[in-house]
Amino acid sequence: MLAFMQTEQLVPPVQWIRNERADTGRCSCPVKDILSSEVARKARAFHRQLEGYQMSPLKSLGRLAAMLNLGGIWIKDESVRLSLNSFKVLGGSFAIYQYLTQKLGAEVSVKDILAGAARRKLGDLVFAAATDGNHGRGVAWSATRLGFKSVIYVHKYTSDARIDAIRRNGAEITVVDGTYDDAVRQVNEDAKKNGWQVISDTSWEGYEDVPKWVMQGYATMLAEIQEQFAGQGLSRPTHVLVQAGVGALAASVMGFYHQLLGERRPKAIVVEPVEAACLLFSARQGDGRPHHFGGELKTIMAGLACGDPSPVAWQVLQSCADVFAMCPDYVAAKGMRVYGTPLAGDPFIVSGESGAVTLGALMFIMQWEGARELRDALGLGPDSQVLLINTEGNTDPDDFRRVVWEGADPVPEPYKMCGSRAFGG
C-alpha cells in the first residue's frame, strides 16, 4: 500500500494511510484526561497574565481557497506569538507554571511567583529541555520571565540562528552529537545528576505529567481559534491539517476538537516529513503502539525532525487522527513560497519550513491527481473550511532566504501544478 522511499528517488508529494483506529464518536479516556474544557480555561487564564500576551491572528486565504475549490482556508498565524516566532512558548510556559503551582501546593498568580513567600519557597530552580529550536526558546523565555535559570540541549544539526535565539532568551546551551532524540535522552540523564527539572514536550515511562501540561498549554491557541471562527460566522473548521514531530501539537489540536465536538469534530490529518515520519510509521504497524523511526532525520523541517513519538500524544492521535500523511521537503518549501507570494487579495504570511508544510500538503492534495483518493476520502470540496496552523515564522534567516529567495528544494517537474486546474484536470 504505502512504500517508504529513499531520498535519491523521486518522492511523491503526499503519501498517506487511513487511521483504522480513529474514534468517530465518543471521546476516548486519554482525551478527557488531558484536554478538558476546564484545562483550556485554566491555560488561557495563565497566559493572559504574561506580559505581551494577545491573540495571534486567524487569517483567511480566500482567493487561494477559491482556486483550490474549497470553501475557505484559515491560517492561525503563530509567527507573531509573544515576539518568539512560534506557538511553542504556550506549552513550555504553562508546563513550568503547573510545575511551580504543584511545588507550592496551591494555584498562584504570576505576580505571586515573582515575589514574596512563594518565591522564597521555590528557591533557585533550573529548568532544562531538549529542542530542535522553538520549544527550547519558549522554555528559556518562560524561565527567564518567571525568574529562573534554564539549560537547553540541542542536537548537532541545529542551526546557529536557532541556538543564538535560545541563548538570547537567557539559556545555557549544550550541543549533543546526535539527533533530537539523542538530545532528549542526554538532557534527562544530566538533569537527574544536577537536580534540574526537565520541561519536555515528549513523554517516556515515568515522565508523563509535564508533556501533558505542555499539550494543555496549546489549548489557549485553540480556544482563541474558536472565538475567531465565531467572529467569522462559522461554528468550526470542517478539516484540520496539523504538522507533527513527536505529536504533541497534533494531539492537542485533535484532542481538543474531539472533546469539544465529538462526532462533529473536523476531519483530522497529521502531516510529517518523509525523513522523520514516526507517527505514520507507528500507525502503519497496526499494533496500537508508538514505534521508533530510524535514520539521521535530516529534513529542512527542523522542528519536525523527531524519530520517537511521544507516548502520551500517541494515545490521543490513534483515537483522533483520521489520516497520517508524510511529505518531502519540497512540499514545505512550496508552502513557504506561497505564503510569501500570495494571490492578490490574500494576506502575506511569513512561515518557516515546519510552519508551511501543511499549506503545501493541502495544495497537492487538492491539485495532484495522485491524491484524488485522499481528497475524496476526506470529502474536501466547496463546502470545506480548512484550518492550518503556521507554527513558526522565520526562525532561521539563512535557510529561509535559501528557500524563498533562491528557490531551494524546488518541486520536481512531474509534480508541478502551476497552470493546472484544481483536481489535476
Protein backbone atom coordinates (compact mmCIF):
# COMPACT_ATOMS: atom_id res chain seq x y z
CA MET A 1 0.00 0.00 0.00
CA LEU A 2 2.49 2.63 1.24
CA ALA A 3 6.14 2.29 0.33
CA PHE A 4 8.81 4.26 2.18
CA MET A 5 11.10 5.71 -0.48
CA GLN A 6 14.76 6.66 -0.39
CA THR A 7 15.70 10.31 -0.76
CA GLU A 8 17.56 9.79 -4.03
CA GLN A 9 14.37 8.56 -5.69
CA LEU A 10 11.59 10.79 -6.93
CA VAL A 11 9.35 11.11 -3.88
CA PRO A 12 5.65 11.91 -4.45
CA PRO A 13 4.31 14.99 -2.67
CA VAL A 14 1.92 13.15 -0.34
CA GLN A 15 1.96 9.58 0.93
CA TRP A 16 -0.73 8.62 3.40
CA ILE A 17 -2.60 5.93 5.28
CA ARG A 18 -6.03 5.96 6.86
CA ASN A 19 -6.13 5.51 10.63
CA GLU A 20 -8.31 2.46 11.16
CA ARG A 21 -8.33 3.07 14.92
CA ALA A 22 -9.92 6.53 14.69
CA ASP A 23 -12.84 7.02 17.07
CA THR A 24 -15.53 8.93 15.21
CA GLY A 25 -17.96 9.17 18.10
CA ARG A 26 -17.39 9.43 21.84
CA CYS A 27 -14.29 10.98 23.39
CA SER A 28 -11.67 8.45 24.44
CA CYS A 29 -10.34 8.42 28.01
CA PRO A 30 -6.91 9.94 27.21
CA VAL A 31 -8.62 12.93 25.60
CA LYS A 32 -10.89 13.52 28.57
CA ASP A 33 -7.97 13.30 30.97
CA ILE A 34 -5.70 15.66 29.05
CA LEU A 35 -7.84 18.19 27.18
CA SER A 36 -10.97 19.04 29.14
CA SER A 37 -12.69 22.40 28.69
CA GLU A 38 -11.66 23.33 32.22
CA VAL A 39 -7.99 22.84 31.31
CA ALA A 40 -8.35 25.18 28.32
CA ARG A 41 -9.83 27.89 30.55
CA LYS A 42 -7.05 27.47 33.10
CA ALA A 43 -4.31 27.66 30.47
CA ARG A 44 -5.74 30.79 28.92
CA ALA A 45 -6.17 32.45 32.30
CA PHE A 46 -2.46 31.87 32.94
CA HIS A 47 -1.29 33.08 29.53
CA ARG A 48 -3.29 36.29 29.86
CA GLN A 49 -1.03 37.19 32.79
CA LEU A 50 2.11 37.11 30.64
CA GLU A 51 3.47 40.46 29.53
CA GLY A 52 2.80 40.96 25.82
CA TYR A 53 0.08 38.31 25.55
CA GLN A 54 -2.51 38.85 22.84
CA MET A 55 -4.38 36.60 20.47
CA SER A 56 -2.45 35.68 17.37
CA PRO A 57 -4.40 36.41 14.16
CA LEU A 58 -6.58 33.98 12.22
CA LYS A 59 -6.07 34.87 8.56
CA SER A 60 -8.17 33.92 5.56
CA LEU A 61 -6.67 32.81 2.24
CA GLY A 62 -9.96 33.27 0.42
CA ARG A 63 -8.53 33.65 -3.07
CA LEU A 64 -6.40 30.54 -2.73
CA ALA A 65 -9.40 28.64 -1.35
CA ALA A 66 -11.41 29.57 -4.44
CA MET A 67 -8.56 28.49 -6.71
CA LEU A 68 -8.45 25.10 -4.96
CA ASN A 69 -12.25 24.69 -4.98
CA LEU A 70 -12.52 24.98 -1.20
CA GLY A 71 -14.95 27.00 0.89
CA GLY A 72 -12.20 28.57 2.98
CA ILE A 73 -8.59 28.25 4.13
CA TRP A 74 -7.91 29.66 7.59
CA ILE A 75 -4.40 30.19 8.96
CA LYS A 76 -3.75 30.58 12.68
CA ASP A 77 -0.57 32.65 12.40
CA GLU A 78 1.69 31.83 15.35
CA SER A 79 4.68 33.61 13.83
CA VAL A 80 3.82 36.64 15.99
CA ARG A 81 3.23 34.85 19.30
CA LEU A 82 4.88 36.84 22.12
CA SER A 83 7.61 38.01 19.70
CA LEU A 84 9.06 34.47 19.71
CA ASN A 85 8.09 33.44 16.17
CA SER A 86 6.42 30.23 17.38
CA PHE A 87 3.48 28.73 19.26
CA LYS A 88 5.80 26.61 21.43
CA VAL A 89 6.00 29.15 24.25
CA LEU A 90 2.36 28.42 25.10
CA GLY A 91 3.18 24.83 26.07
CA GLY A 92 6.51 25.43 27.78
CA SER A 93 5.30 28.35 29.88
CA PHE A 94 2.15 26.56 31.06
CA ALA A 95 4.12 23.43 31.95
CA ILE A 96 6.54 25.50 34.06
CA TYR A 97 3.59 27.23 35.73
CA GLN A 98 1.90 23.90 36.51
CA TYR A 99 5.13 22.55 37.98
CA LEU A 100 5.52 25.63 40.18
CA THR A 101 1.94 25.53 41.47
CA GLN A 102 2.32 21.82 42.21
CA LYS A 103 5.51 22.52 44.14
CA LEU A 104 3.78 25.31 46.06
CA GLY A 105 0.69 23.22 46.71
CA ALA A 106 -1.64 25.97 45.51
CA GLU A 107 -2.51 27.97 42.42
CA VAL A 108 -0.94 31.40 42.47
CA SER A 109 -0.65 34.29 40.06
CA VAL A 110 2.43 35.10 38.02
CA LYS A 111 2.87 38.17 40.19
CA ASP A 112 2.95 35.98 43.31
CA ILE A 113 5.57 33.68 41.79
CA LEU A 114 7.88 36.59 41.15
CA ALA A 115 7.85 37.93 44.71
CA GLY A 116 7.13 37.19 48.34
CA ALA A 117 6.71 33.94 50.23
CA ALA A 118 6.06 31.83 47.14
CA ARG A 119 9.34 32.90 45.61
CA ARG A 120 11.29 32.07 48.78
CA LYS A 121 9.67 28.62 48.98
CA LEU A 122 10.53 27.79 45.36
CA GLY A 123 14.19 28.65 45.72
CA ASP A 124 16.69 28.55 42.83
CA LEU A 125 15.23 26.17 40.26
CA VAL A 126 16.80 25.28 36.92
CA PHE A 127 14.58 24.19 34.02
CA ALA A 128 16.01 22.03 31.23
CA ALA A 129 14.79 20.90 27.83
CA ALA A 130 15.89 19.30 24.59
CA THR A 131 14.85 21.06 21.42
CA ASP A 132 15.05 21.49 17.67
CA GLY A 133 14.80 25.22 18.34
CA ASN A 134 11.33 26.55 19.08
CA HIS A 135 10.47 24.58 22.23
CA GLY A 136 13.81 25.41 23.80
CA ARG A 137 13.41 29.09 23.06
CA GLY A 138 9.96 29.03 24.65
CA VAL A 139 11.22 27.28 27.78
CA ALA A 140 14.16 29.68 28.07
CA TRP A 141 11.91 32.72 27.63
CA SER A 142 9.40 31.43 30.19
CA ALA A 143 12.03 30.51 32.79
CA THR A 144 13.68 33.91 32.45
CA ARG A 145 10.38 35.80 32.74
CA LEU A 146 9.50 33.85 35.89
CA GLY A 147 12.93 34.48 37.42
CA PHE A 148 14.62 31.09 36.94
CA LYS A 149 17.61 29.68 35.06
CA SER A 150 17.39 27.31 32.08
CA VAL A 151 19.65 24.81 30.34
CA ILE A 152 18.73 23.83 26.78
CA TYR A 153 20.17 20.85 24.87
CA VAL A 154 20.26 20.92 21.08
CA HIS A 155 21.41 18.34 18.54
CA LYS A 156 24.35 18.76 16.16
CA TYR A 157 22.16 19.71 13.18
CA THR A 158 20.60 22.70 14.97
CA SER A 159 21.41 25.91 13.13
CA ASP A 160 23.45 28.71 14.69
CA ALA A 161 20.50 31.09 14.27
CA ARG A 162 18.23 28.88 16.37
CA ILE A 163 20.92 28.39 19.01
CA ASP A 164 21.57 32.13 19.21
CA ALA A 165 17.83 32.81 19.62
CA ILE A 166 17.69 30.42 22.58
CA ARG A 167 20.79 31.93 24.17
CA ARG A 168 19.37 35.46 23.79
CA ASN A 169 16.46 34.36 25.96
CA GLY A 170 18.76 33.56 28.86
CA ALA A 171 19.58 29.86 28.49
CA GLU A 172 22.83 27.96 28.80
CA ILE A 173 23.31 25.80 25.67
CA THR A 174 24.67 22.26 25.34
CA VAL A 175 25.15 20.70 21.87
CA VAL A 176 24.71 16.92 21.68
CA ASP A 177 26.50 14.91 18.98
CA GLY A 178 23.40 13.17 17.64
CA THR A 179 19.76 13.65 16.74
CA TYR A 180 16.94 15.36 18.61
CA ASP A 181 16.10 12.04 20.26
CA ASP A 182 19.70 11.75 21.49
CA ALA A 183 19.40 15.24 22.99
CA VAL A 184 16.20 14.19 24.80
CA ARG A 185 17.96 11.22 26.38
CA GLN A 186 21.05 13.22 27.32
CA VAL A 187 19.24 16.11 28.98
CA ASN A 188 17.20 13.65 31.03
CA GLU A 189 20.36 11.90 32.27
CA ASP A 190 22.11 15.17 33.12
CA ALA A 191 19.04 16.60 34.81
CA LYS A 192 18.94 13.68 37.24
CA LYS A 193 22.59 14.29 38.15
CA ASN A 194 22.22 18.05 38.57
CA GLY A 195 18.76 18.35 40.09
CA TRP A 196 17.23 20.18 37.12
CA GLN A 197 13.55 19.96 36.22
CA VAL A 198 13.03 18.78 32.63
CA ILE A 199 10.29 20.52 30.63
CA SER A 200 9.81 18.21 27.65
CA ASP A 201 7.08 18.07 25.03
CA THR A 202 7.68 14.33 24.62
CA SER A 203 6.97 11.65 27.22
CA TRP A 204 8.52 8.40 28.37
CA GLU A 205 7.85 5.83 31.10
CA GLY A 206 7.53 7.60 34.44
CA TYR A 207 7.51 11.05 32.83
CA GLU A 208 4.03 11.99 31.64
CA ASP A 209 2.70 14.93 33.67
CA VAL A 210 4.91 17.63 32.14
CA PRO A 211 4.24 16.60 28.50
CA LYS A 212 0.52 16.63 29.31
CA TRP A 213 0.88 20.16 30.69
CA VAL A 214 2.70 21.21 27.51
CA MET A 215 -0.18 19.87 25.40
CA GLN A 216 -2.68 21.62 27.67
CA GLY A 217 -0.85 24.91 27.20
CA TYR A 218 -1.58 24.76 23.48
CA ALA A 219 -5.30 24.80 24.31
CA THR A 220 -5.05 28.59 24.68
CA MET A 221 -4.42 28.83 20.94
CA LEU A 222 -7.36 26.53 20.19
CA ALA A 223 -9.75 28.48 22.37
CA GLU A 224 -8.67 31.61 20.50
CA ILE A 225 -9.34 29.89 17.17
CA GLN A 226 -12.89 29.01 18.15
CA GLU A 227 -13.56 32.61 19.21
CA GLN A 228 -12.15 33.83 15.92
CA PHE A 229 -14.21 31.37 13.89
CA ALA A 230 -17.33 32.56 15.69
CA GLY A 231 -16.40 36.10 14.73
CA GLN A 232 -16.46 35.00 11.08
CA GLY A 233 -19.90 33.42 11.48
CA LEU A 234 -18.52 29.87 11.46
CA SER A 235 -19.03 27.29 14.18
CA ARG A 236 -15.97 25.17 13.44
CA PRO A 237 -13.48 24.07 10.80
CA THR A 238 -14.53 21.04 8.79
CA HIS A 239 -10.94 19.89 8.26
CA VAL A 240 -7.65 20.48 10.06
CA LEU A 241 -4.13 19.65 8.89
CA VAL A 242 -1.51 19.70 11.66
CA GLN A 243 2.23 19.19 11.32
CA ALA A 244 3.90 16.81 13.76
CA GLY A 245 7.26 16.00 15.28
CA VAL A 246 6.72 13.96 18.45
CA GLY A 247 3.00 14.66 18.04
CA ALA A 248 2.23 16.96 21.00
CA LEU A 249 0.67 19.80 18.98
CA ALA A 250 -1.27 17.47 16.69
CA ALA A 251 -2.62 15.57 19.69
CA SER A 252 -3.60 18.80 21.41
CA VAL A 253 -5.45 20.14 18.36
CA MET A 254 -7.21 16.91 17.50
CA GLY A 255 -7.99 16.01 21.09
CA PHE A 256 -9.40 19.48 21.74
CA TYR A 257 -11.86 19.20 18.87
CA HIS A 258 -12.69 15.59 19.69
CA GLN A 259 -13.57 16.60 23.24
CA LEU A 260 -15.45 19.73 22.18
CA LEU A 261 -17.43 18.40 19.22
CA GLY A 262 -17.43 14.59 19.37
CA GLU A 263 -18.69 13.15 16.10
CA ARG A 264 -18.93 16.68 14.63
CA ARG A 265 -15.20 17.19 15.01
CA PRO A 266 -13.22 18.23 11.91
CA LYS A 267 -11.56 15.61 9.74
CA ALA A 268 -8.00 15.49 11.07
CA ILE A 269 -4.81 14.94 9.06
CA VAL A 270 -1.35 14.60 10.64
CA VAL A 271 1.48 15.79 8.34
CA GLU A 272 5.14 14.74 8.84
CA PRO A 273 8.41 14.90 6.89
CA VAL A 274 9.26 11.80 4.83
CA GLU A 275 12.60 11.61 6.65
CA ALA A 276 11.03 11.71 10.14
CA ALA A 277 7.60 10.09 9.85
CA CYS A 278 7.50 8.39 13.25
CA LEU A 279 3.73 8.72 13.70
CA LEU A 280 2.81 7.41 10.26
CA PHE A 281 5.30 4.59 10.72
CA SER A 282 3.71 3.75 14.08
CA ALA A 283 0.22 3.76 12.61
CA ARG A 284 1.39 1.53 9.79
CA GLN A 285 2.49 -1.16 12.25
CA GLY A 286 -1.13 -1.62 13.27
CA ASP A 287 -0.45 -2.73 16.85
CA GLY A 288 -1.56 0.45 18.61
CA ARG A 289 1.91 1.23 19.99
CA PRO A 290 4.38 4.03 19.15
CA HIS A 291 7.47 2.94 17.20
CA HIS A 292 10.93 4.38 16.62
CA PHE A 293 11.66 5.78 13.14
CA GLY A 294 15.38 5.39 12.43
CA GLY A 295 17.87 7.39 10.42
CA GLU A 296 19.52 10.79 10.75
CA LEU A 297 16.16 12.62 10.48
CA LYS A 298 17.67 15.15 8.07
CA THR A 299 14.95 17.45 6.77
CA ILE A 300 14.56 21.19 6.30
CA MET A 301 11.58 20.89 8.66
CA ALA A 302 13.86 21.10 11.69
CA GLY A 303 11.02 21.44 14.18
CA LEU A 304 9.54 18.14 13.00
CA ALA A 305 12.77 16.08 12.87
CA CYS A 306 11.82 13.54 15.54
CA GLY A 307 12.22 9.78 15.44
CA ASP A 308 10.29 8.80 18.56
CA PRO A 309 6.60 9.61 19.07
CA SER A 310 5.53 10.92 22.45
CA PRO A 311 3.59 8.01 24.01
CA VAL A 312 1.14 10.42 25.67
CA ALA A 313 0.48 12.19 22.35
CA TRP A 314 0.23 8.86 20.55
CA GLN A 315 -2.59 7.73 22.85
CA VAL A 316 -4.62 10.70 21.65
CA LEU A 317 -3.64 10.58 17.99
CA GLN A 318 -4.51 6.95 17.47
CA SER A 319 -8.03 7.83 18.63
CA CYS A 320 -8.45 11.24 17.00
CA ALA A 321 -6.45 11.36 13.73
CA ASP A 322 -8.26 10.27 10.57
CA VAL A 323 -5.19 10.24 8.31
CA PHE A 324 -1.42 10.11 8.76
CA ALA A 325 0.49 11.68 5.87
CA MET A 326 4.12 12.41 5.06
CA CYS A 327 5.64 14.90 2.63
CA PRO A 328 9.14 15.55 1.23
CA ASP A 329 10.97 18.81 1.85
CA TYR A 330 9.89 20.39 -1.44
CA VAL A 331 6.28 20.43 -0.20
CA ALA A 332 7.28 22.58 2.79
CA ALA A 333 9.39 24.82 0.53
CA LYS A 334 6.43 25.34 -1.80
CA GLY A 335 4.24 26.26 1.17
CA MET A 336 6.77 28.87 2.29
CA ARG A 337 6.84 30.48 -1.14
CA VAL A 338 3.04 30.50 -1.50
CA TYR A 339 2.63 32.13 1.92
CA GLY A 340 5.21 34.73 0.95
CA THR A 341 3.78 35.47 -2.52
CA PRO A 342 0.01 35.20 -2.06
CA LEU A 343 -2.70 35.68 -4.65
CA ALA A 344 -3.96 39.25 -4.94
CA GLY A 345 -6.27 39.95 -2.02
CA ASP A 346 -4.85 37.26 0.26
CA PRO A 347 -2.61 38.27 3.20
CA PHE A 348 1.17 37.91 3.19
CA ILE A 349 2.39 35.42 5.80
CA VAL A 350 5.95 34.72 6.94
CA SER A 351 6.30 31.00 7.51
CA GLY A 352 9.27 28.77 8.25
CA GLU A 353 9.79 25.27 6.93
CA SER A 354 7.88 23.46 9.67
CA GLY A 355 5.12 26.06 9.62
CA ALA A 356 4.45 25.84 5.90
CA VAL A 357 4.31 22.11 5.19
CA THR A 358 0.55 21.84 5.80
CA LEU A 359 -0.22 24.52 3.21
CA GLY A 360 1.99 22.76 0.68
CA ALA A 361 0.34 19.45 1.53
CA LEU A 362 -3.16 20.90 1.15
CA MET A 363 -2.33 22.33 -2.27
CA PHE A 364 -1.03 19.00 -3.52
CA ILE A 365 -3.99 17.14 -2.03
CA MET A 366 -6.33 19.41 -3.97
CA GLN A 367 -4.38 19.67 -7.24
CA TRP A 368 -2.37 16.49 -7.69
CA GLU A 369 -4.19 13.70 -9.49
CA GLY A 370 -2.39 11.14 -7.34
CA ALA A 371 -4.19 12.48 -4.26
CA ARG A 372 -7.71 12.07 -5.66
CA GLU A 373 -8.45 9.08 -3.40
CA LEU A 374 -7.34 11.01 -0.32
CA ARG A 375 -9.30 14.10 -1.42
CA ASP A 376 -12.44 12.02 -1.83
CA ALA A 377 -11.93 10.13 1.43
CA LEU A 378 -11.72 13.42 3.32
CA GLY A 379 -14.67 14.98 1.49
CA LEU A 380 -12.69 18.10 0.60
CA GLY A 381 -14.64 20.45 -1.64
CA PRO A 382 -16.55 23.73 -1.96
CA ASP A 383 -18.18 23.41 1.47
CA SER A 384 -14.92 22.72 3.31
CA GLN A 385 -13.48 25.18 5.82
CA VAL A 386 -9.87 24.09 6.32
CA LEU A 387 -7.79 25.10 9.35
CA LEU A 388 -3.98 25.26 9.16
CA ILE A 389 -1.54 26.46 11.83
CA ASN A 390 1.52 28.44 10.83
CA THR A 391 3.55 27.16 13.75
CA GLU A 392 6.64 29.28 13.13
CA GLY A 393 7.86 32.35 11.32
CA ASN A 394 11.37 33.00 10.04
CA THR A 395 13.34 31.16 12.75
CA ASP A 396 16.42 30.54 10.60
CA PRO A 397 17.07 33.51 8.27
CA ASP A 398 19.76 31.75 6.20
CA ASP A 399 17.59 28.72 5.44
CA PHE A 400 14.57 30.96 4.90
CA ARG A 401 16.37 33.00 2.25
CA ARG A 402 17.76 29.85 0.68
CA VAL A 403 14.23 28.58 0.10
CA VAL A 404 12.31 31.79 -0.57
CA TRP A 405 14.93 33.89 -2.35
CA GLU A 406 16.99 31.24 -4.09
CA GLY A 407 14.28 28.67 -4.79
CA ALA A 408 15.94 25.79 -2.95
CA ASP A 409 14.08 22.47 -2.74
CA PRO A 410 12.06 23.07 -5.92
CA VAL A 411 9.03 20.97 -6.82
CA PRO A 412 10.13 18.18 -9.20
CA GLU A 413 8.87 18.63 -12.76
CA PRO A 414 6.32 15.76 -12.69
CA TYR A 415 4.58 17.32 -9.68
CA LYS A 416 4.46 20.97 -10.71
CA MET A 417 0.88 22.26 -10.55
CA CYS A 418 1.34 25.79 -11.90
CA GLY A 419 -1.23 26.45 -14.60
CA SER A 420 -3.21 23.32 -13.79
CA ARG A 421 -6.82 23.37 -12.71
CA ALA A 422 -7.90 22.13 -9.32
CA PHE A 423 -8.32 18.35 -9.04
CA GLY A 424 -5.48 17.85 -11.53
CA GLY A 425 -7.76 18.30 -14.52
